[in-house]
Amino acid sequence: MIAPRVLPDGSLRIPLATVLEHIGTTGVFVLSGDNKARFRMVKTGKSSAGWVMISSGLTGHESILSGPSDAVYDGSPVQLINANEE
């Protein structure tokens, strides 16, 4: 999971690899409070060096899912794995 990076001017940027097209809509999957993947529509701006600016759709307090998204859908349960337990 990745948290959006809030820049000094208040704008947000996230890794470009976390942005996807889902049912014809640009967005990201965020982790909800009940550990489910929720699709969040975002409006993107300029991209550079693997990062993209987000002009709307995120507040900066979300946890963005960064794993494989091909089997994830809105409402998918998410199991968090502690890397220290592996």
Protein backbone atom coordinates (compact mmCIF):
# COMPACT_ATOMS: atom_id res chain seq x y z
CA MET A 1 0.00 0.00 0.00
CA ILE A 2 1.09 3.50 -0.74
CA ALA A 3 0.04 6.83 0.72
CA PRO A 4 -0.31 9.78 -1.67
CA ARG A 5 2.56 12.23 -1.43
CA VAL A 6 1.33 15.67 -0.44
CA LEU A 7 3.55 18.38 -1.90
CA PRO A 8 4.27 21.73 -0.18
CA ASP A 9 1.70 23.48 -2.40
CA GLY A 10 -0.99 21.03 -1.25
CA SER A 11 -1.16 19.07 -4.49
CA LEU A 12 -0.98 15.28 -4.51
CA ARG A 13 1.08 12.85 -6.51
CA ILE A 14 1.01 9.08 -6.61
CA PRO A 15 2.96 6.39 -8.46
CA LEU A 16 1.74 6.21 -12.05
CA ALA A 17 1.66 2.39 -11.79
CA THR A 18 -1.23 2.56 -9.28
CA VAL A 19 -3.53 4.37 -11.73
CA LEU A 20 -5.70 2.11 -13.87
CA GLU A 21 -8.68 2.06 -16.17
CA HIS A 22 -11.65 0.25 -14.62
CA ILE A 23 -14.85 0.02 -16.64
CA GLY A 24 -13.67 2.93 -18.78
CA THR A 25 -12.91 5.18 -15.81
CA THR A 26 -9.50 6.33 -14.56
CA GLY A 27 -8.94 5.63 -10.88
CA VAL A 28 -7.14 3.79 -8.12
CA PHE A 29 -8.09 1.17 -5.57
CA VAL A 30 -7.94 2.43 -1.99
CA LEU A 31 -8.21 0.42 1.21
CA SER A 32 -11.45 1.03 3.10
CA GLY A 33 -11.84 0.89 6.88
CA ASP A 34 -13.33 -2.59 6.62
CA ASN A 35 -10.30 -3.92 4.65
CA LYS A 36 -11.95 -3.90 1.24
CA ALA A 37 -10.68 -2.52 -2.04
CA ARG A 38 -12.73 0.47 -3.14
CA PHE A 39 -12.37 1.98 -6.58
CA ARG A 40 -11.89 5.72 -6.42
CA MET A 41 -12.24 7.76 -9.60
CA VAL A 42 -9.41 10.30 -9.95
CA LYS A 43 -8.54 13.09 -12.33
CA THR A 44 -4.89 13.00 -13.29
CA GLY A 45 -2.57 15.77 -14.39
CA LYS A 46 1.06 15.91 -15.44
CA SER A 47 3.23 12.83 -15.05
CA SER A 48 6.98 12.60 -14.68
CA ALA A 49 9.52 9.98 -13.63
CA GLY A 50 6.88 7.40 -12.69
CA TRP A 51 4.68 9.81 -10.70
CA VAL A 52 1.39 11.47 -11.66
CA MET A 53 -0.32 14.52 -10.21
CA ILE A 54 -3.88 14.05 -8.91
CA SER A 55 -6.16 17.06 -9.31
CA SER A 56 -9.27 15.47 -7.79
CA GLY A 57 -10.55 12.26 -6.23
CA LEU A 58 -8.09 11.84 -3.34
CA THR A 59 -7.57 13.75 -0.10
CA GLY A 60 -4.05 12.55 0.71
CA HIS A 61 -5.14 10.40 3.65
CA GLU A 62 -5.91 7.22 1.70
CA SER A 63 -3.94 3.99 1.45
CA ILE A 64 -3.65 3.13 -2.23
CA LEU A 65 -3.35 -0.52 -3.20
CA SER A 66 -0.22 -1.16 -5.20
CA GLY A 67 -0.40 -4.89 -5.85
CA PRO A 68 -1.75 -6.75 -8.85
CA SER A 69 -5.06 -5.19 -9.83
CA ASP A 70 -6.24 -7.61 -12.53
CA ALA A 71 -8.25 -9.72 -10.03
CA VAL A 72 -9.34 -6.83 -7.79
CA TYR A 73 -12.82 -5.37 -8.01
CA ASP A 74 -14.73 -2.78 -5.99
CA GLY A 75 -15.50 -4.50 -2.69
CA SER A 76 -12.79 -7.17 -2.90
CA PRO A 77 -11.62 -8.25 0.55
CA VAL A 78 -8.00 -7.29 1.20
CA GLN A 79 -5.78 -9.36 3.45
CA LEU A 80 -2.89 -7.40 4.90
CA ILE A 81 0.32 -9.36 5.28
CA ASN A 82 3.03 -8.20 7.63
CA ALA A 83 6.36 -8.55 5.79
CA ASN A 84 8.01 -9.51 9.08
CA GLU A 85 5.80 -12.61 9.34
CA GLU A 86 6.96 -14.12 6.04
